[in-house]
Structure formats: C-alpha cells, structure tokens
C-alpha cells in the first residue's frame, strides 16, 4: 500500500486518459520512465496505495469527532477534528508501510507538487470553517465536508482514478444538505465518517489485487 502489469479493464473505476505531458521540456532529474502523466500517476498510486489508507484514517478521525459531539460537546468535537487531523498523515504513512508501500512518492514525481499544494489549500480553509461555526455551530462540519470534498476532487488527477470524483461529489452534496438543514454536529460528523470509510473500503477492494506496473526507475526508493 512484486510488480506486474495492471489490468485496468478489471477495475471498477478506470484510470483517466494516459496522455503524455504537454510541456516541451522536463526537469533534468526526471527519469525517462516518468515522462508521461500516466507514469507519474502510476507511481503515486503505488506509493500511496491509491490514497485509501489516508482516507480510512481520516474517516476514523471524523468518527471520533462524532462520538465527542455526542458525549461531550460540539465545541470539543471541532477541536477533536482539528487535533486528529494532524495525526492523519503520520497514521496513513504507518499504515501504508505496514501494507508494503513506501508511503511517500519519489522526489522526481512532478505530481508531488500538486499533492503539497492541495494540503496547503486545505489548511488555509480551516479558519473559514471555524468562522462559519461562530455563526452556527451546525455549519462547521458541513463546511469541512466542502473542504475535504474539494480536495478529493483533485485526487482524480493525482492518482488517475475517477472514483475520487464520486467521493468528492458525495462529500460536497452531503455538506450542502447538512448545512442547509442545520443538522446537529454529531449527524454531520458521522456522515463525513461514513462517506470516507465507505469509499476507502471501495478503493482498498479494487486496489487489493492490482499490481502496479511501475518501471524500474520508478520502483527505486
């Protein structure tokens, strides 16, 4: 989360088109084996187990926040999600390594910049979600559903998997409906947890038997 070819026809959610990069120049440290978007996406899928471990850990954090909202208070649940969110990355790295993957992409992979940019974008949106909660406490978790839903939409490009369009769309629609209905924080947090855990399970199931055909230069590291 060794290596042979991937039979994309057997996958429930096919990859996006394997078109070559349009830039006329490439970085000097970029290996010839990673000169197309498809190769970069293949390496990202292999290194991160298609993103499933991180999504699973995130879903569990949302579940804990829902429990805190139910048994303690919505305000504590907000801080539970903030603090727990800081543990998602290290927890996902550990899980990926337990599943036999590196847990990080190669420095020559150009899509690594996109992954970093989406992380910064998510962090910068956190104050907006918190500000929304000052108006209505019920708006915090729906706002966060919009934030992480938007981030997952970019994962369709990052990993070349169309399932992330479905996942991001589900989170955004849930955020809209829950926010408009002023659903209690425990319900909104639980909805986020269920959506992430369900989609993580689907990705695990479809990736489980797949062996990425990463070129020799991509597999090193």
C-alpha atoms as a PDB file:
ATOM      1  CA  UNK A   1       0.000   0.000   0.000  1.00  0.00           C
ATOM      2  CA  UNK A   2       6.160  -7.948  -6.718  1.00  0.00           C
ATOM      3  CA  UNK A   3       5.136  -5.897  -9.554  1.00  0.00           C
ATOM      4  CA  UNK A   4       3.467  -6.748 -12.872  1.00  0.00           C
ATOM      5  CA  UNK A   5       1.062  -5.122 -15.338  1.00  0.00           C
ATOM      6  CA  UNK A   6      -2.245  -3.597 -14.303  1.00  0.00           C
ATOM      7  CA  UNK A   7      -5.408  -4.860 -15.999  1.00  0.00           C
ATOM      8  CA  UNK A   8      -7.453  -1.673 -15.939  1.00  0.00           C
ATOM      9  CA  UNK A   9     -10.431  -3.415 -17.530  1.00  0.00           C
ATOM     10  CA  UNK A  10     -10.924  -5.325 -14.303  1.00  0.00           C
ATOM     11  CA  UNK A  11     -11.055  -2.194 -12.221  1.00  0.00           C
ATOM     12  CA  UNK A  12     -14.405  -0.812 -11.059  1.00  0.00           C
ATOM     13  CA  UNK A  13     -13.239   2.739 -11.714  1.00  0.00           C
ATOM     14  CA  UNK A  14     -10.994   3.141 -14.800  1.00  0.00           C
ATOM     15  CA  UNK A  15      -7.980   5.420 -14.966  1.00  0.00           C
ATOM     16  CA  UNK A  16      -8.078   8.742 -16.708  1.00  0.00           C
ATOM     17  CA  UNK A  17      -6.500   9.045 -20.140  1.00  0.00           C
ATOM     18  CA  UNK A  18      -2.818   8.184 -20.379  1.00  0.00           C
ATOM     19  CA  UNK A  19      -1.875  11.250 -22.403  1.00  0.00           C
ATOM     20  CA  UNK A  20       1.762  12.453 -22.404  1.00  0.00           C
ATOM     21  CA  UNK A  21       2.840  15.663 -20.706  1.00  0.00           C
ATOM     22  CA  UNK A  22       2.391  18.668 -22.957  1.00  0.00           C
ATOM     23  CA  UNK A  23       5.464  20.548 -21.768  1.00  0.00           C
ATOM     24  CA  UNK A  24       8.307  20.585 -24.273  1.00  0.00           C
ATOM     25  CA  UNK A  25      10.898  20.358 -21.516  1.00  0.00           C
ATOM     26  CA  UNK A  26      11.260  18.188 -18.421  1.00  0.00           C
ATOM     27  CA  UNK A  27      13.386  18.575 -15.272  1.00  0.00           C
ATOM     28  CA  UNK A  28      16.886  17.155 -15.527  1.00  0.00           C
ATOM     29  CA  UNK A  29      16.306  14.814 -12.577  1.00  0.00           C
ATOM     30  CA  UNK A  30      13.100  13.369 -14.060  1.00  0.00           C
ATOM     31  CA  UNK A  31      13.749   9.815 -15.195  1.00  0.00           C
ATOM     32  CA  UNK A  32      12.789   8.840 -18.746  1.00  0.00           C
ATOM     33  CA  UNK A  33      10.398   6.286 -17.232  1.00  0.00           C
ATOM     34  CA  UNK A  34       8.248   9.100 -15.803  1.00  0.00           C
ATOM     35  CA  UNK A  35       7.804  11.355 -18.825  1.00  0.00           C
ATOM     36  CA  UNK A  36       4.034  10.969 -19.026  1.00  0.00           C
ATOM     37  CA  UNK A  37       1.191  11.887 -16.695  1.00  0.00           C
ATOM     38  CA  UNK A  38       0.184   8.216 -16.651  1.00  0.00           C
ATOM     39  CA  UNK A  39       3.604   7.160 -15.336  1.00  0.00           C
ATOM     40  CA  UNK A  40       3.544   9.824 -12.619  1.00  0.00           C
ATOM     41  CA  UNK A  41       0.031   8.779 -11.589  1.00  0.00           C
ATOM     42  CA  UNK A  42       1.083   5.109 -11.550  1.00  0.00           C
ATOM     43  CA  UNK A  43       3.913   5.864  -9.142  1.00  0.00           C
ATOM     44  CA  UNK A  44       1.594   7.893  -6.898  1.00  0.00           C
ATOM     45  CA  UNK A  45      -0.948   5.052  -6.836  1.00  0.00           C
ATOM     46  CA  UNK A  46       1.732   2.548  -5.893  1.00  0.00           C
ATOM     47  CA  UNK A  47       3.394   4.698  -3.217  1.00  0.00           C
ATOM     48  CA  UNK A  48       0.136   5.779  -1.536  1.00  0.00           C
ATOM     49  CA  UNK A  49      -1.924   2.601  -2.086  1.00  0.00           C
ATOM     50  CA  UNK A  50      -4.249   4.706  -4.250  1.00  0.00           C
ATOM     51  CA  UNK A  51      -4.960   7.037  -1.322  1.00  0.00           C
ATOM     52  CA  UNK A  52      -7.068   4.531   0.606  1.00  0.00           C
ATOM     53  CA  UNK A  53      -5.040   4.470   3.873  1.00  0.00           C
ATOM     54  CA  UNK A  54      -5.208   8.240   4.313  1.00  0.00           C
ATOM     55  CA  UNK A  55      -8.927   8.280   3.607  1.00  0.00           C
ATOM     56  CA  UNK A  56      -9.534   5.494   6.110  1.00  0.00           C
ATOM     57  CA  UNK A  57      -7.581   7.260   8.865  1.00  0.00           C
ATOM     58  CA  UNK A  58      -9.430  10.486   8.096  1.00  0.00           C
ATOM     59  CA  UNK A  59     -12.775   8.693   8.320  1.00  0.00           C
ATOM     60  CA  UNK A  60     -11.844   7.285  11.713  1.00  0.00           C
ATOM     61  CA  UNK A  61     -10.927  10.777  12.944  1.00  0.00           C
ATOM     62  CA  UNK A  62     -14.344  12.014  11.825  1.00  0.00           C
ATOM     63  CA  UNK A  63     -15.950   9.104  13.676  1.00  0.00           C
ATOM     64  CA  UNK A  64     -14.134  10.059  16.880  1.00  0.00           C
ATOM     65  CA  UNK A  65     -15.271  13.673  16.424  1.00  0.00           C
ATOM     66  CA  UNK A  66     -18.864  12.449  16.049  1.00  0.00           C
ATOM     67  CA  UNK A  67     -18.540  10.490  19.291  1.00  0.00           C
ATOM     68  CA  UNK A  68     -17.164  13.547  21.100  1.00  0.00           C
ATOM     69  CA  UNK A  69     -20.018  15.689  19.742  1.00  0.00           C
ATOM     70  CA  UNK A  70     -22.496  13.151  21.095  1.00  0.00           C
ATOM     71  CA  UNK A  71     -20.962  12.502  24.503  1.00  0.00           C
ATOM     72  CA  UNK A  72     -19.162  15.770  25.297  1.00  0.00           C
ATOM     73  CA  UNK A  73     -19.988  18.862  23.215  1.00  0.00           C
ATOM     74  CA  UNK A  74     -19.906  20.139  19.608  1.00  0.00           C
ATOM     75  CA  UNK A  75     -17.166  22.619  20.534  1.00  0.00           C
ATOM     76  CA  UNK A  76     -14.904  19.821  21.759  1.00  0.00           C
ATOM     77  CA  UNK A  77     -15.752  17.858  18.627  1.00  0.00           C
ATOM     78  CA  UNK A  78     -14.429  20.708  16.496  1.00  0.00           C
ATOM     79  CA  UNK A  79     -11.097  20.644  18.297  1.00  0.00           C
ATOM     80  CA  UNK A  80     -11.077  16.865  18.117  1.00  0.00           C
ATOM     81  CA  UNK A  81     -11.231  17.105  14.322  1.00  0.00           C
ATOM     82  CA  UNK A  82      -8.523  19.769  14.250  1.00  0.00           C
ATOM     83  CA  UNK A  83      -6.143  17.816  16.503  1.00  0.00           C
ATOM     84  CA  UNK A  84      -6.999  14.457  14.996  1.00  0.00           C
ATOM     85  CA  UNK A  85      -6.429  15.899  11.537  1.00  0.00           C
ATOM     86  CA  UNK A  86      -2.771  16.425  12.413  1.00  0.00           C
ATOM     87  CA  UNK A  87      -2.466  12.687  13.032  1.00  0.00           C
ATOM     88  CA  UNK A  88      -3.907  11.636   9.661  1.00  0.00           C
ATOM     89  CA  UNK A  89      -0.657  11.943   7.699  1.00  0.00           C
ATOM     90  CA  UNK A  90       1.633  10.048  10.111  1.00  0.00           C
ATOM     91  CA  UNK A  91      -1.074   7.430  10.667  1.00  0.00           C
ATOM     92  CA  UNK A  92      -1.519   6.961   6.922  1.00  0.00           C
ATOM     93  CA  UNK A  93       2.248   6.677   6.363  1.00  0.00           C
ATOM     94  CA  UNK A  94       2.449   3.966   9.026  1.00  0.00           C
ATOM     95  CA  UNK A  95      -0.488   2.057   7.547  1.00  0.00           C
ATOM     96  CA  UNK A  96       0.927   2.259   4.015  1.00  0.00           C
ATOM     97  CA  UNK A  97       4.258   0.884   5.201  1.00  0.00           C
ATOM     98  CA  UNK A  98       2.506  -1.934   7.039  1.00  0.00           C
ATOM     99  CA  UNK A  99       0.847  -2.726   3.713  1.00  0.00           C
ATOM    100  CA  UNK A 100       4.223  -2.871   1.996  1.00  0.00           C
ATOM    101  CA  UNK A 101       4.378   0.527   0.318  1.00  0.00           C
ATOM    102  CA  UNK A 102       6.951   3.310   0.734  1.00  0.00           C
ATOM    103  CA  UNK A 103       4.390   5.782   1.992  1.00  0.00           C
ATOM    104  CA  UNK A 104       5.935   8.671   0.033  1.00  0.00           C
ATOM    105  CA  UNK A 105       6.378   9.451  -3.647  1.00  0.00           C
ATOM    106  CA  UNK A 106       9.718   9.797  -5.395  1.00  0.00           C
ATOM    107  CA  UNK A 107      11.200  13.325  -5.460  1.00  0.00           C
ATOM    108  CA  UNK A 108      11.269  13.156  -9.285  1.00  0.00           C
ATOM    109  CA  UNK A 109       7.489  12.778  -9.483  1.00  0.00           C
ATOM    110  CA  UNK A 110       6.038  16.097 -10.747  1.00  0.00           C
ATOM    111  CA  UNK A 111       2.641  15.343  -9.186  1.00  0.00           C
ATOM    112  CA  UNK A 112       4.188  15.663  -5.735  1.00  0.00           C
ATOM    113  CA  UNK A 113       3.840  19.448  -6.037  1.00  0.00           C
ATOM    114  CA  UNK A 114       0.089  19.060  -6.614  1.00  0.00           C
ATOM    115  CA  UNK A 115      -0.223  16.883  -3.509  1.00  0.00           C
ATOM    116  CA  UNK A 116       1.573  19.511  -1.423  1.00  0.00           C
ATOM    117  CA  UNK A 117      -0.493  22.356  -2.863  1.00  0.00           C
ATOM    118  CA  UNK A 118      -3.798  20.641  -2.019  1.00  0.00           C
ATOM    119  CA  UNK A 119      -2.610  20.122   1.548  1.00  0.00           C
ATOM    120  CA  UNK A 120      -1.809  23.822   1.970  1.00  0.00           C
ATOM    121  CA  UNK A 121      -5.153  24.736   0.392  1.00  0.00           C
ATOM    122  CA  UNK A 122      -6.982  22.561   2.915  1.00  0.00           C
ATOM    123  CA  UNK A 123      -5.104  24.064   5.863  1.00  0.00           C
ATOM    124  CA  UNK A 124      -5.861  27.606   4.681  1.00  0.00           C
ATOM    125  CA  UNK A 125      -9.572  26.746   4.536  1.00  0.00           C
ATOM    126  CA  UNK A 126      -9.730  25.644   8.174  1.00  0.00           C
ATOM    127  CA  UNK A 127     -10.154  29.200   9.559  1.00  0.00           C
ATOM    128  CA  UNK A 128     -13.107  29.694   7.205  1.00  0.00           C
ATOM    129  CA  UNK A 129     -14.815  26.584   8.537  1.00  0.00           C
ATOM    130  CA  UNK A 130     -14.166  27.709  12.098  1.00  0.00           C
ATOM    131  CA  UNK A 131     -15.544  31.175  11.323  1.00  0.00           C
ATOM    132  CA  UNK A 132     -18.698  29.549   9.941  1.00  0.00           C
ATOM    133  CA  UNK A 133     -19.115  27.682  13.217  1.00  0.00           C
ATOM    134  CA  UNK A 134     -19.146  31.008  15.086  1.00  0.00           C
ATOM    135  CA  UNK A 135     -22.309  31.911  13.177  1.00  0.00           C
ATOM    136  CA  UNK A 136     -23.943  28.491  13.501  1.00  0.00           C
ATOM    137  CA  UNK A 137     -22.204  25.619  15.285  1.00  0.00           C
ATOM    138  CA  UNK A 138     -24.060  23.296  12.887  1.00  0.00           C
ATOM    139  CA  UNK A 139     -22.136  24.752   9.929  1.00  0.00           C
ATOM    140  CA  UNK A 140     -18.649  23.639  10.949  1.00  0.00           C
ATOM    141  CA  UNK A 141     -18.729  20.012   9.851  1.00  0.00           C
ATOM    142  CA  UNK A 142     -20.672  20.722   6.628  1.00  0.00           C
ATOM    143  CA  UNK A 143     -18.063  23.388   5.809  1.00  0.00           C
ATOM    144  CA  UNK A 144     -15.319  20.845   6.405  1.00  0.00           C
ATOM    145  CA  UNK A 145     -17.123  18.411   4.106  1.00  0.00           C
ATOM    146  CA  UNK A 146     -16.877  21.036   1.370  1.00  0.00           C
ATOM    147  CA  UNK A 147     -13.156  21.495   2.085  1.00  0.00           C
ATOM    148  CA  UNK A 148     -12.156  17.836   2.020  1.00  0.00           C
ATOM    149  CA  UNK A 149     -14.590  17.112  -0.807  1.00  0.00           C
ATOM    150  CA  UNK A 150     -12.914  19.729  -2.958  1.00  0.00           C
ATOM    151  CA  UNK A 151      -9.511  18.281  -2.112  1.00  0.00           C
ATOM    152  CA  UNK A 152     -10.562  14.770  -3.076  1.00  0.00           C
ATOM    153  CA  UNK A 153     -11.656  16.066  -6.483  1.00  0.00           C
ATOM    154  CA  UNK A 154      -8.013  16.906  -7.208  1.00  0.00           C
ATOM    155  CA  UNK A 155      -7.056  13.333  -6.296  1.00  0.00           C
ATOM    156  CA  UNK A 156      -8.712  12.204  -9.522  1.00  0.00           C
ATOM    157  CA  UNK A 157      -5.791  13.866 -11.293  1.00  0.00           C
ATOM    158  CA  UNK A 158      -3.231  12.963  -8.646  1.00  0.00           C
ATOM    159  CA  UNK A 159      -3.937   9.220  -8.840  1.00  0.00           C
ATOM    160  CA  UNK A 160      -5.742   8.987 -12.177  1.00  0.00           C
ATOM    161  CA  UNK A 161      -8.801   7.444 -10.501  1.00  0.00           C
ATOM    162  CA  UNK A 162     -12.320   8.614 -11.344  1.00  0.00           C
ATOM    163  CA  UNK A 163     -13.680   7.272  -8.058  1.00  0.00           C
ATOM    164  CA  UNK A 164     -12.415  10.463  -6.435  1.00  0.00           C
ATOM    165  CA  UNK A 165     -14.941  12.454  -8.470  1.00  0.00           C
ATOM    166  CA  UNK A 166     -17.659  10.347  -6.860  1.00  0.00           C
ATOM    167  CA  UNK A 167     -16.139  10.640  -3.383  1.00  0.00           C
ATOM    168  CA  UNK A 168     -15.607  14.398  -3.580  1.00  0.00           C
ATOM    169  CA  UNK A 169     -19.055  14.901  -5.043  1.00  0.00           C
ATOM    170  CA  UNK A 170     -20.687  12.846  -2.290  1.00  0.00           C
ATOM    171  CA  UNK A 171     -18.947  14.892   0.400  1.00  0.00           C
ATOM    172  CA  UNK A 172     -19.882  18.215  -1.197  1.00  0.00           C
ATOM    173  CA  UNK A 173     -23.545  17.221  -1.648  1.00  0.00           C
ATOM    174  CA  UNK A 174     -23.656  15.955   1.942  1.00  0.00           C
ATOM    175  CA  UNK A 175     -22.127  19.208   3.166  1.00  0.00           C
ATOM    176  CA  UNK A 176     -24.705  21.269   1.317  1.00  0.00           C
ATOM    177  CA  UNK A 177     -27.697  19.259   2.525  1.00  0.00           C
ATOM    178  CA  UNK A 178     -26.479  19.023   6.115  1.00  0.00           C
ATOM    179  CA  UNK A 179     -25.591  22.713   6.286  1.00  0.00           C
ATOM    180  CA  UNK A 180     -28.849  23.842   4.764  1.00  0.00           C
ATOM    181  CA  UNK A 181     -30.806  21.664   7.175  1.00  0.00           C
ATOM    182  CA  UNK A 182     -28.746  22.798  10.194  1.00  0.00           C
ATOM    183  CA  UNK A 183     -28.264  19.156  11.135  1.00  0.00           C
ATOM    184  CA  UNK A 184     -26.726  18.584  14.561  1.00  0.00           C
ATOM    185  CA  UNK A 185     -22.908  18.356  14.573  1.00  0.00           C
ATOM    186  CA  UNK A 186     -22.972  14.704  15.588  1.00  0.00           C
ATOM    187  CA  UNK A 187     -25.003  13.847  12.481  1.00  0.00           C
ATOM    188  CA  UNK A 188     -22.789  15.852  10.132  1.00  0.00           C
ATOM    189  CA  UNK A 189     -19.584  14.401  11.585  1.00  0.00           C
ATOM    190  CA  UNK A 190     -20.986  10.889  11.369  1.00  0.00           C
ATOM    191  CA  UNK A 191     -21.961  11.447   7.736  1.00  0.00           C
ATOM    192  CA  UNK A 192     -18.405  12.514   6.896  1.00  0.00           C
ATOM    193  CA  UNK A 193     -17.007   9.469   8.669  1.00  0.00           C
ATOM    194  CA  UNK A 194     -19.295   7.051   6.853  1.00  0.00           C
ATOM    195  CA  UNK A 195     -18.644   8.523   3.406  1.00  0.00           C
ATOM    196  CA  UNK A 196     -14.870   8.395   3.826  1.00  0.00           C
ATOM    197  CA  UNK A 197     -14.805   4.921   5.346  1.00  0.00           C
ATOM    198  CA  UNK A 198     -17.101   3.516   2.652  1.00  0.00           C
ATOM    199  CA  UNK A 199     -15.072   4.986  -0.204  1.00  0.00           C
ATOM    200  CA  UNK A 200     -11.815   3.907   1.455  1.00  0.00           C
ATOM    201  CA  UNK A 201     -13.192   0.368   1.572  1.00  0.00           C
ATOM    202  CA  UNK A 202     -14.096   0.502  -2.122  1.00  0.00           C
ATOM    203  CA  UNK A 203     -10.621   1.730  -3.065  1.00  0.00           C
ATOM    204  CA  UNK A 204      -8.966  -0.914  -0.895  1.00  0.00           C
ATOM    205  CA  UNK A 205     -11.116  -3.604  -2.514  1.00  0.00           C
ATOM    206  CA  UNK A 206     -10.350  -2.524  -6.073  1.00  0.00           C
ATOM    207  CA  UNK A 207      -6.644  -1.953  -5.392  1.00  0.00           C
ATOM    208  CA  UNK A 208      -6.120  -5.100  -3.357  1.00  0.00           C
ATOM    209  CA  UNK A 209      -5.437  -7.457  -6.244  1.00  0.00           C
ATOM    210  CA  UNK A 210      -3.834  -4.937  -8.543  1.00  0.00           C
ATOM    211  CA  UNK A 211      -0.073  -4.914  -9.003  1.00  0.00           C
ATOM    212  CA  UNK A 212       1.273  -1.680 -10.376  1.00  0.00           C
ATOM    213  CA  UNK A 213       3.473  -1.948 -13.469  1.00  0.00           C
ATOM    214  CA  UNK A 214       5.912   0.677 -12.289  1.00  0.00           C
ATOM    215  CA  UNK A 215       9.088   0.954 -14.393  1.00  0.00           C
ATOM    216  CA  UNK A 216      12.363   0.002 -12.722  1.00  0.00           C
ATOM    217  CA  UNK A 217      13.353   3.648 -12.303  1.00  0.00           C
ATOM    218  CA  UNK A 218      10.048   4.397 -10.595  1.00  0.00           C
ATOM    219  CA  UNK A 219      10.248   1.474  -8.188  1.00  0.00           C
ATOM    220  CA  UNK A 220      13.548   2.537  -6.657  1.00  0.00           C
ATOM    221  CA  UNK A 221      13.326   4.301  -3.286  1.00  0.00           C
END
